[in-house]
């Protein structure tokens, strides 16, 4: 049976890479530890490492050292990505 709205069907199934990136950047907006970020974004350790590495290279995410722990925080460039992604998501829905 064909669905009437294939985009809505895709949305119900699995998150795509852009949605995962958006989730990570949203969670890290105010700065969080890696464990909290992984839990809130719903990712495994392996997935988290892969995405964080790519986001750091793209300068969408930064890692700061606070006392004896590391904090992951969304950069200005990352916030622009979130705004743009949000606008695109609203257009599609």
Protein backbone atom coordinates (compact mmCIF):
# COMPACT_ATOMS: atom_id res chain seq x y z
CA UNK A 1 0.00 0.00 0.00
CA UNK A 2 1.38 3.39 -0.98
CA UNK A 3 1.33 6.21 1.51
CA UNK A 4 -0.16 9.54 0.58
CA UNK A 5 2.75 11.53 1.98
CA UNK A 6 6.11 9.79 1.52
CA UNK A 7 7.93 12.53 3.48
CA UNK A 8 5.70 11.92 6.49
CA UNK A 9 6.38 8.19 6.20
CA UNK A 10 10.14 8.81 6.16
CA UNK A 11 9.79 11.04 9.22
CA UNK A 12 8.15 8.26 11.23
CA UNK A 13 10.81 5.69 10.49
CA UNK A 14 14.45 6.59 11.07
CA UNK A 15 16.22 9.85 11.63
CA UNK A 16 18.41 10.95 8.78
CA UNK A 17 21.88 12.42 9.25
CA UNK A 18 20.60 16.01 9.21
CA UNK A 19 18.05 15.25 11.93
CA UNK A 20 20.72 13.58 14.09
CA UNK A 21 23.05 16.55 13.61
CA UNK A 22 20.19 18.88 14.51
CA UNK A 23 19.43 16.85 17.65
CA UNK A 24 23.08 16.95 18.75
CA UNK A 25 23.43 20.69 18.14
CA UNK A 26 20.15 21.43 19.93
CA UNK A 27 21.20 19.42 22.96
CA UNK A 28 24.61 21.13 23.06
CA UNK A 29 23.30 24.69 22.71
CA UNK A 30 24.17 25.60 26.31
CA UNK A 31 27.03 23.15 26.73
CA UNK A 32 26.82 19.57 27.98
CA UNK A 33 29.07 16.65 28.79
CA UNK A 34 29.54 13.92 26.21
CA UNK A 35 27.54 11.42 28.27
CA UNK A 36 24.57 13.78 28.59
CA UNK A 37 24.78 14.66 24.91
CA UNK A 38 24.85 10.99 23.91
CA UNK A 39 21.84 10.21 26.13
CA UNK A 40 19.75 13.21 25.02
CA UNK A 41 20.52 12.65 21.33
CA UNK A 42 19.75 8.94 21.64
CA UNK A 43 23.00 7.69 20.14
CA UNK A 44 25.36 4.83 20.85
CA UNK A 45 28.93 5.58 21.82
CA UNK A 46 30.19 4.64 18.35
CA UNK A 47 27.62 6.84 16.62
CA UNK A 48 28.34 9.68 19.00
CA UNK A 49 32.08 9.56 18.32
CA UNK A 50 31.50 9.61 14.56
CA UNK A 51 29.10 12.56 14.64
CA UNK A 52 31.08 14.60 17.17
CA UNK A 53 34.26 14.20 15.13
CA UNK A 54 32.48 15.41 11.98
CA UNK A 55 30.81 18.32 13.79
CA UNK A 56 34.10 19.43 15.33
CA UNK A 57 35.81 19.33 11.91
CA UNK A 58 32.92 21.34 10.41
CA UNK A 59 33.13 23.85 13.26
CA UNK A 60 29.46 23.34 14.14
CA UNK A 61 30.42 22.06 17.59
CA UNK A 62 33.26 22.96 19.92
CA UNK A 63 34.74 21.26 22.94
CA UNK A 64 35.68 23.36 25.95
CA UNK A 65 37.48 22.31 29.09
CA UNK A 66 35.64 23.26 32.27
CA UNK A 67 37.60 22.33 35.38
CA UNK A 68 38.48 18.67 34.87
CA UNK A 69 35.80 17.76 32.34
CA UNK A 70 35.04 18.51 28.71
CA UNK A 71 31.91 20.36 27.63
CA UNK A 72 30.50 20.19 24.11
CA UNK A 73 28.84 23.36 22.89
CA UNK A 74 27.17 24.47 19.68
CA UNK A 75 29.12 27.20 17.86
CA UNK A 76 27.63 30.26 16.17
CA UNK A 77 27.96 28.43 12.86
CA UNK A 78 26.09 25.49 14.43
CA UNK A 79 23.27 27.77 15.57
CA UNK A 80 22.95 29.10 12.01
CA UNK A 81 22.69 25.48 10.83
CA UNK A 82 19.90 24.85 13.35
CA UNK A 83 17.94 27.91 12.23
CA UNK A 84 18.28 26.98 8.56
CA UNK A 85 17.42 23.33 9.18
CA UNK A 86 14.35 24.40 11.16
CA UNK A 87 13.16 26.61 8.32
CA UNK A 88 13.61 23.78 5.81
CA UNK A 89 11.78 21.33 8.07
CA UNK A 90 8.82 23.73 8.33
CA UNK A 91 8.69 24.03 4.53
CA UNK A 92 8.60 20.25 4.09
CA UNK A 93 5.93 19.59 6.75
